PDB file of N, CA and C in Angstrom:
ATOM      1  N   MET A   1      12.832  16.810  79.689  1.00  0.00           N
ATOM      2  CA  MET A   1      13.684  15.751  80.125  1.00  0.00           C
ATOM      3  C   MET A   1      12.946  14.613  80.811  1.00  0.00           C
ATOM      4  N   HIS A   2      13.345  13.427  80.449  1.00  0.00           N
ATOM      5  CA  HIS A   2      12.613  12.311  80.969  1.00  0.00           C
ATOM      6  C   HIS A   2      13.261  11.856  82.360  1.00  0.00           C
ATOM      7  N   GLY A   3      12.414  11.184  83.091  1.00  0.00           N
ATOM      8  CA  GLY A   3      12.773  10.785  84.421  1.00  0.00           C
ATOM      9  C   GLY A   3      13.979   9.879  84.593  1.00  0.00           C
ATOM     10  N   TYR A   4      14.209   9.187  83.420  1.00  0.00           N
ATOM     11  CA  TYR A   4      15.417   8.185  83.512  1.00  0.00           C
ATOM     12  C   TYR A   4      16.698   8.893  83.007  1.00  0.00           C
ATOM     13  N   SER A   5      16.670  10.122  82.658  1.00  0.00           N
ATOM     14  CA  SER A   5      17.784  10.844  82.109  1.00  0.00           C
ATOM     15  C   SER A   5      19.084  10.823  82.960  1.00  0.00           C
ATOM     16  N   GLY A   6      18.929  10.898  84.183  1.00  0.00           N
ATOM     17  CA  GLY A   6      20.019  10.770  85.169  1.00  0.00           C
ATOM     18  C   GLY A   6      20.770   9.487  85.164  1.00  0.00           C
ATOM     19  N   ASP A   7      19.964   8.428  84.809  1.00  0.00           N
ATOM     20  CA  ASP A   7      20.409   7.060  84.914  1.00  0.00           C
ATOM     21  C   ASP A   7      20.624   6.454  83.546  1.00  0.00           C
ATOM     22  N   LYS A   8      20.588   7.295  82.461  1.00  0.00           N
ATOM     23  CA  LYS A   8      20.629   6.867  81.198  1.00  0.00           C
ATOM     24  C   LYS A   8      21.695   5.846  80.780  1.00  0.00           C
ATOM     25  N   GLN A   9      22.890   6.226  81.203  1.00  0.00           N
ATOM     26  CA  GLN A   9      24.023   5.307  80.992  1.00  0.00           C
ATOM     27  C   GLN A   9      23.963   4.008  81.546  1.00  0.00           C
ATOM     28  N   ALA A  10      23.383   3.896  82.775  1.00  0.00           N
ATOM     29  CA  ALA A  10      23.194   2.662  83.548  1.00  0.00           C
ATOM     30  C   ALA A  10      22.185   1.869  82.779  1.00  0.00           C
ATOM     31  N   TYR A  11      21.056   2.514  82.323  1.00  0.00           N
ATOM     32  CA  TYR A  11      20.004   1.774  81.546  1.00  0.00           C
ATOM     33  C   TYR A  11      20.647   1.152  80.308  1.00  0.00           C
ATOM     34  N   LEU A  12      21.379   1.985  79.637  1.00  0.00           N
ATOM     35  CA  LEU A  12      21.953   1.528  78.349  1.00  0.00           C
ATOM     36  C   LEU A  12      22.948   0.329  78.563  1.00  0.00           C
ATOM     37  N   THR A  13      23.647   0.372  79.590  1.00  0.00           N
ATOM     38  CA  THR A  13      24.593  -0.735  80.019  1.00  0.00           C
ATOM     39  C   THR A  13      23.757  -1.964  80.246  1.00  0.00           C
ATOM     40  N   ARG A  14      22.718  -1.851  80.987  1.00  0.00           N
ATOM     41  CA  ARG A  14      21.863  -3.071  81.313  1.00  0.00           C
ATOM     42  C   ARG A  14      21.291  -3.562  80.066  1.00  0.00           C
ATOM     43  N   LEU A  15      20.826  -2.695  79.133  1.00  0.00           N
ATOM     44  CA  LEU A  15      20.134  -3.169  77.966  1.00  0.00           C
ATOM     45  C   LEU A  15      21.128  -3.812  77.009  1.00  0.00           C
ATOM     46  N   ARG A  16      22.312  -3.226  76.969  1.00  0.00           N
ATOM     47  CA  ARG A  16      23.418  -4.005  76.169  1.00  0.00           C
ATOM     48  C   ARG A  16      23.774  -5.327  76.718  1.00  0.00           C
ATOM     49  N   ARG A  17      23.706  -5.464  78.063  1.00  0.00           N
ATOM     50  CA  ARG A  17      23.866  -6.789  78.702  1.00  0.00           C
ATOM     51  C   ARG A  17      22.769  -7.716  78.288  1.00  0.00           C
ATOM     52  N   ILE A  18      21.590  -7.276  78.293  1.00  0.00           N
ATOM     53  CA  ILE A  18      20.493  -8.107  77.871  1.00  0.00           C
ATOM     54  C   ILE A  18      20.483  -8.418  76.448  1.00  0.00           C
ATOM     55  N   GLU A  19      20.956  -7.518  75.611  1.00  0.00           N
ATOM     56  CA  GLU A  19      21.165  -7.771  74.224  1.00  0.00           C
ATOM     57  C   GLU A  19      22.068  -9.011  74.047  1.00  0.00           C
ATOM     58  N   GLY A  20      23.221  -8.951  74.832  1.00  0.00           N
ATOM     59  CA  GLY A  20      24.173 -10.067  74.742  1.00  0.00           C
ATOM     60  C   GLY A  20      23.571 -11.322  75.205  1.00  0.00           C
ATOM     61  N   GLN A  21      22.662 -11.282  76.257  1.00  0.00           N
ATOM     62  CA  GLN A  21      21.942 -12.520  76.669  1.00  0.00           C
ATOM     63  C   GLN A  21      21.105 -13.007  75.499  1.00  0.00           C
ATOM     64  N   ILE A  22      20.425 -12.131  74.775  1.00  0.00           N
ATOM     65  CA  ILE A  22      19.594 -12.655  73.715  1.00  0.00           C
ATOM     66  C   ILE A  22      20.326 -13.182  72.641  1.00  0.00           C
ATOM     67  N   ARG A  23      21.539 -12.638  72.243  1.00  0.00           N
ATOM     68  CA  ARG A  23      22.399 -13.179  71.261  1.00  0.00           C
ATOM     69  C   ARG A  23      22.833 -14.572  71.699  1.00  0.00           C
ATOM     70  N   GLY A  24      23.119 -14.709  73.070  1.00  0.00           N
ATOM     71  CA  GLY A  24      23.514 -16.040  73.584  1.00  0.00           C
ATOM     72  C   GLY A  24      22.421 -17.023  73.370  1.00  0.00           C
ATOM     73  N   LEU A  25      21.186 -16.613  73.592  1.00  0.00           N
ATOM     74  CA  LEU A  25      19.972 -17.491  73.415  1.00  0.00           C
ATOM     75  C   LEU A  25      19.983 -17.938  72.012  1.00  0.00           C
ATOM     76  N   GLN A  26      20.172 -17.030  71.112  1.00  0.00           N
ATOM     77  CA  GLN A  26      20.159 -17.343  69.662  1.00  0.00           C
ATOM     78  C   GLN A  26      21.195 -18.455  69.322  1.00  0.00           C
ATOM     79  N   ARG A  27      22.400 -18.246  69.947  1.00  0.00           N
ATOM     80  CA  ARG A  27      23.422 -19.242  69.696  1.00  0.00           C
ATOM     81  C   ARG A  27      23.071 -20.564  70.296  1.00  0.00           C
ATOM     82  N   MET A  28      22.494 -20.561  71.375  1.00  0.00           N
ATOM     83  CA  MET A  28      22.124 -21.797  72.166  1.00  0.00           C
ATOM     84  C   MET A  28      21.113 -22.569  71.184  1.00  0.00           C
ATOM     85  N   VAL A  29      20.068 -21.781  70.635  1.00  0.00           N
ATOM     86  CA  VAL A  29      19.161 -22.555  69.810  1.00  0.00           C
ATOM     87  C   VAL A  29      19.771 -23.061  68.588  1.00  0.00           C
ATOM     88  N   GLU A  30      20.707 -22.271  67.837  1.00  0.00           N
ATOM     89  CA  GLU A  30      21.457 -22.626  66.713  1.00  0.00           C
ATOM     90  C   GLU A  30      22.266 -23.933  67.000  1.00  0.00           C
ATOM     91  N   GLU A  31      22.785 -23.993  68.213  1.00  0.00           N
ATOM     92  CA  GLU A  31      23.693 -25.138  68.606  1.00  0.00           C
ATOM     93  C   GLU A  31      22.849 -26.314  69.163  1.00  0.00           C
ATOM     94  N   ASP A  32      21.537 -26.237  69.180  1.00  0.00           N
ATOM     95  CA  ASP A  32      20.688 -27.256  69.674  1.00  0.00           C
ATOM     96  C   ASP A  32      20.991 -27.557  71.138  1.00  0.00           C
ATOM     97  N   SER A  33      21.072 -26.539  71.965  1.00  0.00           N
ATOM     98  CA  SER A  33      21.277 -26.740  73.378  1.00  0.00           C
ATOM     99  C   SER A  33      20.134 -27.383  73.970  1.00  0.00           C
ATOM    100  N   TYR A  34      20.318 -27.927  75.120  1.00  0.00           N
ATOM    101  CA  TYR A  34      19.290 -28.588  75.931  1.00  0.00           C
ATOM    102  C   TYR A  34      18.208 -27.660  76.277  1.00  0.00           C
ATOM    103  N   CYS A  35      16.923 -28.077  76.066  1.00  0.00           N
ATOM    104  CA  CYS A  35      15.709 -27.230  76.253  1.00  0.00           C
ATOM    105  C   CYS A  35      15.722 -26.466  77.570  1.00  0.00           C
ATOM    106  N   ILE A  36      15.906 -27.211  78.638  1.00  0.00           N
ATOM    107  CA  ILE A  36      15.890 -26.553  79.961  1.00  0.00           C
ATOM    108  C   ILE A  36      16.936 -25.551  80.146  1.00  0.00           C
ATOM    109  N   ASP A  37      18.125 -25.662  79.484  1.00  0.00           N
ATOM    110  CA  ASP A  37      19.181 -24.661  79.635  1.00  0.00           C
ATOM    111  C   ASP A  37      18.766 -23.422  78.852  1.00  0.00           C
ATOM    112  N   VAL A  38      18.035 -23.634  77.685  1.00  0.00           N
ATOM    113  CA  VAL A  38      17.651 -22.402  76.869  1.00  0.00           C
ATOM    114  C   VAL A  38      16.465 -21.717  77.739  1.00  0.00           C
ATOM    115  N   LEU A  39      15.559 -22.522  78.310  1.00  0.00           N
ATOM    116  CA  LEU A  39      14.536 -21.873  79.150  1.00  0.00           C
ATOM    117  C   LEU A  39      15.050 -21.130  80.234  1.00  0.00           C
ATOM    118  N   THR A  40      16.160 -21.683  80.936  1.00  0.00           N
ATOM    119  CA  THR A  40      16.678 -21.001  82.048  1.00  0.00           C
ATOM    120  C   THR A  40      17.180 -19.613  81.665  1.00  0.00           C
ATOM    121  N   GLN A  41      17.849 -19.618  80.480  1.00  0.00           N
ATOM    122  CA  GLN A  41      18.421 -18.347  79.969  1.00  0.00           C
ATOM    123  C   GLN A  41      17.344 -17.320  79.581  1.00  0.00           C
ATOM    124  N   VAL A  42      16.262 -17.876  79.034  1.00  0.00           N
ATOM    125  CA  VAL A  42      15.067 -17.062  78.631  1.00  0.00           C
ATOM    126  C   VAL A  42      14.466 -16.448  79.940  1.00  0.00           C
ATOM    127  N   SER A  43      14.399 -17.192  81.024  1.00  0.00           N
ATOM    128  CA  SER A  43      13.955 -16.695  82.230  1.00  0.00           C
ATOM    129  C   SER A  43      14.740 -15.615  82.831  1.00  0.00           C
ATOM    130  N   ALA A  44      16.121 -15.763  82.732  1.00  0.00           N
ATOM    131  CA  ALA A  44      17.075 -14.825  83.170  1.00  0.00           C
ATOM    132  C   ALA A  44      16.933 -13.429  82.342  1.00  0.00           C
ATOM    133  N   ALA A  45      16.795 -13.570  81.089  1.00  0.00           N
ATOM    134  CA  ALA A  45      16.702 -12.360  80.168  1.00  0.00           C
ATOM    135  C   ALA A  45      15.296 -11.657  80.519  1.00  0.00           C
ATOM    136  N   THR A  46      14.366 -12.530  80.816  1.00  0.00           N
ATOM    137  CA  THR A  46      12.987 -11.893  81.130  1.00  0.00           C
ATOM    138  C   THR A  46      13.184 -11.089  82.413  1.00  0.00           C
ATOM    139  N   ARG A  47      13.721 -11.750  83.400  1.00  0.00           N
ATOM    140  CA  ARG A  47      13.889 -10.996  84.685  1.00  0.00           C
ATOM    141  C   ARG A  47      14.708  -9.636  84.618  1.00  0.00           C
ATOM    142  N   ALA A  48      15.710  -9.767  83.743  1.00  0.00           N
ATOM    143  CA  ALA A  48      16.582  -8.578  83.560  1.00  0.00           C
ATOM    144  C   ALA A  48      15.713  -7.464  82.823  1.00  0.00           C
ATOM    145  N   LEU A  49      14.910  -7.835  81.878  1.00  0.00           N
ATOM    146  CA  LEU A  49      14.047  -6.837  81.317  1.00  0.00           C
ATOM    147  C   LEU A  49      12.986  -6.272  82.255  1.00  0.00           C
ATOM    148  N   GLN A  50      12.493  -7.162  83.136  1.00  0.00           N
ATOM    149  CA  GLN A  50      11.502  -6.703  84.059  1.00  0.00           C
ATOM    150  C   GLN A  50      12.219  -5.772  85.086  1.00  0.00           C
ATOM    151  N   ALA A  51      13.461  -6.011  85.395  1.00  0.00           N
ATOM    152  CA  ALA A  51      14.136  -5.010  86.340  1.00  0.00           C
ATOM    153  C   ALA A  51      14.326  -3.716  85.670  1.00  0.00           C
ATOM    154  N   VAL A  52      14.719  -3.681  84.454  1.00  0.00           N
ATOM    155  CA  VAL A  52      14.736  -2.390  83.719  1.00  0.00           C
ATOM    156  C   VAL A  52      13.390  -1.696  83.690  1.00  0.00           C
ATOM    157  N   ALA A  53      12.394  -2.445  83.351  1.00  0.00           N
ATOM    158  CA  ALA A  53      11.071  -1.809  83.317  1.00  0.00           C
ATOM    159  C   ALA A  53      10.652  -1.251  84.700  1.00  0.00           C
ATOM    160  N   LEU A  54      11.028  -1.944  85.808  1.00  0.00           N
ATOM    161  CA  LEU A  54      10.643  -1.449  87.163  1.00  0.00           C
ATOM    162  C   LEU A  54      11.377  -0.103  87.391  1.00  0.00           C
ATOM    163  N   GLY A  55      12.705  -0.208  87.024  1.00  0.00           N
ATOM    164  CA  GLY A  55      13.493   0.982  87.234  1.00  0.00           C
ATOM    165  C   GLY A  55      12.991   2.262  86.433  1.00  0.00           C
ATOM    166  N   LEU A  56      12.612   2.034  85.214  1.00  0.00           N
ATOM    167  CA  LEU A  56      12.035   3.136  84.382  1.00  0.00           C
ATOM    168  C   LEU A  56      10.701   3.600  84.996  1.00  0.00           C
ATOM    169  N   LEU A  57       9.896   2.686  85.470  1.00  0.00           N
ATOM    170  CA  LEU A  57       8.645   2.965  86.101  1.00  0.00           C
ATOM    171  C   LEU A  57       8.781   3.821  87.360  1.00  0.00           C
ATOM    172  N   GLU A  58       9.757   3.425  88.111  1.00  0.00           N
ATOM    173  CA  GLU A  58      10.136   4.216  89.399  1.00  0.00           C
ATOM    174  C   GLU A  58      10.657   5.518  88.982  1.00  0.00           C
ATOM    175  N   ASP A  59      11.479   5.657  88.074  1.00  0.00           N
ATOM    176  CA  ASP A  59      11.945   6.949  87.605  1.00  0.00           C
ATOM    177  C   ASP A  59      10.813   7.847  87.101  1.00  0.00           C
ATOM    178  N   HIS A  60       9.920   7.295  86.347  1.00  0.00           N
ATOM    179  CA  HIS A  60       8.825   7.933  85.731  1.00  0.00           C
ATOM    180  C   HIS A  60       7.920   8.520  86.765  1.00  0.00           C
ATOM    181  N   ILE A  61       7.570   7.686  87.805  1.00  0.00           N
ATOM    182  CA  ILE A  61       6.783   8.210  88.942  1.00  0.00           C
ATOM    183  C   ILE A  61       7.476   9.306  89.790  1.00  0.00           C
ATOM    184  N   GLY A  62       8.732   9.055  90.006  1.00  0.00           N
ATOM    185  CA  GLY A  62       9.463   9.936  90.850  1.00  0.00           C
ATOM    186  C   GLY A  62       9.766  11.203  90.177  1.00  0.00           C
ATOM    187  N   HIS A  63       9.740  11.303  88.831  1.00  0.00           N
ATOM    188  CA  HIS A  63      10.067  12.567  88.200  1.00  0.00           C
ATOM    189  C   HIS A  63       8.775  13.133  87.467  1.00  0.00           C
ATOM    190  N   CYS A  64       8.414  12.331  86.404  1.00  0.00           N
ATOM    191  CA  CYS A  64       7.366  12.902  85.578  1.00  0.00           C
ATOM    192  C   CYS A  64       6.014  13.063  86.279  1.00  0.00           C
ATOM    193  N   VAL A  65       5.620  12.024  87.035  1.00  0.00           N
ATOM    194  CA  VAL A  65       4.312  12.069  87.654  1.00  0.00           C
ATOM    195  C   VAL A  65       4.373  13.069  88.804  1.00  0.00           C
ATOM    196  N   THR A  66       5.492  13.094  89.572  1.00  0.00           N
ATOM    197  CA  THR A  66       5.619  13.952  90.644  1.00  0.00           C
ATOM    198  C   THR A  66       5.579  15.417  90.188  1.00  0.00           C
ATOM    199  N   ASP A  67       6.272  15.764  89.149  1.00  0.00           N
ATOM    200  CA  ASP A  67       6.337  17.135  88.592  1.00  0.00           C
ATOM    201  C   ASP A  67       4.897  17.490  88.147  1.00  0.00           C
ATOM    202  N   ALA A  68       4.189  16.497  87.461  1.00  0.00           N
ATOM    203  CA  ALA A  68       2.888  16.914  86.985  1.00  0.00           C
ATOM    204  C   ALA A  68       1.857  17.217  88.163  1.00  0.00           C
ATOM    205  N   ILE A  69       1.982  16.297  89.290  1.00  0.00           N
ATOM    206  CA  ILE A  69       1.124  16.533  90.383  1.00  0.00           C
ATOM    207  C   ILE A  69       1.439  17.907  91.149  1.00  0.00           C
ATOM    208  N   ASN A  70       2.768  18.159  91.221  1.00  0.00           N
ATOM    209  CA  ASN A  70       3.102  19.476  91.880  1.00  0.00           C
ATOM    210  C   ASN A  70       2.601  20.621  91.082  1.00  0.00           C
ATOM    211  N   ALA A  71       2.599  20.535  89.770  1.00  0.00           N
ATOM    212  CA  ALA A  71       2.066  21.587  88.876  1.00  0.00           C
ATOM    213  C   ALA A  71       0.561  21.663  88.848  1.00  0.00           C
ATOM    214  N   GLY A  72      -0.113  20.569  89.132  1.00  0.00           N
ATOM    215  CA  GLY A  72      -1.554  20.473  89.231  1.00  0.00           C
ATOM    216  C   GLY A  72      -2.177  20.489  87.775  1.00  0.00           C
ATOM    217  N   GLY A  73      -3.496  20.580  87.804  1.00  0.00           N
ATOM    218  CA  GLY A  73      -4.230  20.658  86.524  1.00  0.00           C
ATOM    219  C   GLY A  73      -4.435  19.244  85.947  1.00  0.00           C
ATOM    220  N   PRO A  74      -5.012  19.250  84.708  1.00  0.00           N
ATOM    221  CA  PRO A  74      -5.401  17.986  84.050  1.00  0.00           C
ATOM    222  C   PRO A  74      -4.147  17.113  83.728  1.00  0.00           C
ATOM    223  N   GLU A  75      -3.088  17.665  83.522  1.00  0.00           N
ATOM    224  CA  GLU A  75      -1.816  16.831  83.146  1.00  0.00           C
ATOM    225  C   GLU A  75      -1.544  15.922  84.295  1.00  0.00           C
ATOM    226  N   ALA A  76      -1.829  16.404  85.561  1.00  0.00           N
ATOM    227  CA  ALA A  76      -1.479  15.464  86.755  1.00  0.00           C
ATOM    228  C   ALA A  76      -2.345  14.250  86.713  1.00  0.00           C
ATOM    229  N   GLU A  77      -3.568  14.369  86.456  1.00  0.00           N
ATOM    230  CA  GLU A  77      -4.469  13.198  86.368  1.00  0.00           C
ATOM    231  C   GLU A  77      -4.117  12.311  85.276  1.00  0.00           C
ATOM    232  N   GLU A  78      -3.673  13.006  84.112  1.00  0.00           N
ATOM    233  CA  GLU A  78      -3.281  12.191  82.973  1.00  0.00           C
ATOM    234  C   GLU A  78      -1.980  11.343  83.176  1.00  0.00           C
ATOM    235  N   LYS A  79      -1.011  11.916  83.926  1.00  0.00           N
ATOM    236  CA  LYS A  79       0.206  11.170  84.257  1.00  0.00           C
ATOM    237  C   LYS A  79      -0.104  10.051  85.121  1.00  0.00           C
ATOM    238  N   VAL A  80      -0.928  10.276  86.121  1.00  0.00           N
ATOM    239  CA  VAL A  80      -1.296   9.175  87.057  1.00  0.00           C
ATOM    240  C   VAL A  80      -1.942   8.011  86.327  1.00  0.00           C
ATOM    241  N   LYS A  81      -2.875   8.317  85.386  1.00  0.00           N
ATOM    242  CA  LYS A  81      -3.565   7.342  84.577  1.00  0.00           C
ATOM    243  C   LYS A  81      -2.503   6.527  83.674  1.00  0.00           C
ATOM    244  N   GLU A  82      -1.582   7.327  83.132  1.00  0.00           N
ATOM    245  CA  GLU A  82      -0.487   6.744  82.302  1.00  0.00           C
ATOM    246  C   GLU A  82       0.297   5.758  83.116  1.00  0.00           C
ATOM    247  N   ALA A  83       0.686   6.225  84.274  1.00  0.00           N
ATOM    248  CA  ALA A  83       1.564   5.309  85.126  1.00  0.00           C
ATOM    249  C   ALA A  83       0.766   4.056  85.572  1.00  0.00           C
ATOM    250  N   SER A  84      -0.543   4.249  85.839  1.00  0.00           N
ATOM    251  CA  SER A  84      -1.396   3.033  86.171  1.00  0.00           C
ATOM    252  C   SER A  84      -1.396   2.065  85.033  1.00  0.00           C
ATOM    253  N   ALA A  85      -1.588   2.666  83.801  1.00  0.00           N
ATOM    254  CA  ALA A  85      -1.661   1.796  82.630  1.00  0.00           C
ATOM    255  C   ALA A  85      -0.432   1.024  82.435  1.00  0.00           C
ATOM    256  N   ALA A  86       0.699   1.704  82.723  1.00  0.00           N
ATOM    257  CA  ALA A  86       2.043   1.079  82.508  1.00  0.00           C
ATOM    258  C   ALA A  86       2.116  -0.093  83.504  1.00  0.00           C
ATOM    259  N   ILE A  87       1.725   0.155  84.763  1.00  0.00           N
ATOM    260  CA  ILE A  87       1.814  -0.925  85.841  1.00  0.00           C
ATOM    261  C   ILE A  87       0.897  -2.030  85.360  1.00  0.00           C
ATOM    262  N   ALA A  88      -0.263  -1.839  84.925  1.00  0.00           N
ATOM    263  CA  ALA A  88      -1.180  -2.864  84.435  1.00  0.00           C
ATOM    264  C   ALA A  88      -0.464  -3.734  83.379  1.00  0.00           C
ATOM    265  N   ARG A  89       0.129  -3.045  82.409  1.00  0.00           N
ATOM    266  CA  ARG A  89       0.832  -3.793  81.349  1.00  0.00           C
ATOM    267  C   ARG A  89       1.933  -4.638  81.941  1.00  0.00           C
ATOM    268  N   LEU A  90       2.767  -4.115  82.914  1.00  0.00           N
ATOM    269  CA  LEU A  90       3.819  -4.941  83.514  1.00  0.00           C
ATOM    270  C   LEU A  90       3.310  -6.134  84.218  1.00  0.00           C
ATOM    271  N   VAL A  91       2.159  -5.883  84.970  1.00  0.00           N
ATOM    272  CA  VAL A  91       1.559  -7.011  85.623  1.00  0.00           C
ATOM    273  C   VAL A  91       1.100  -8.167  84.810  1.00  0.00           C
ATOM    274  N   ARG A  92       0.562  -7.814  83.617  1.00  0.00           N
ATOM    275  CA  ARG A  92       0.029  -8.776  82.750  1.00  0.00           C
ATOM    276  C   ARG A  92       1.220  -9.520  82.071  1.00  0.00           C
ATOM    277  N   SER A  93       2.364  -8.919  81.929  1.00  0.00           N
ATOM    278  CA  SER A  93       3.353  -9.558  81.214  1.00  0.00           C
ATOM    279  C   SER A  93       4.196 -10.659  81.978  1.00  0.00           C
TER     280      SER A  93
END
């Protein structure tokens, strides 16, 4: 079971909302909307995706990493490294 399983429906709802934002962006470009308006919507979609990513990361650390640490062994170290790598990817994006 994944750490986000308890919040799966909420994540799906948020992702569908973001999907709608992206379709709106496509429409804006098709309709030759003003550049700044398109960029504003790109920024909003980016922030929404970042919020989903942070929530997933929090769930991963709170569930998967915590369980691995409590169990001990090499899997614990691997889960911590995995979470650190995910954080690094988020910081770079």
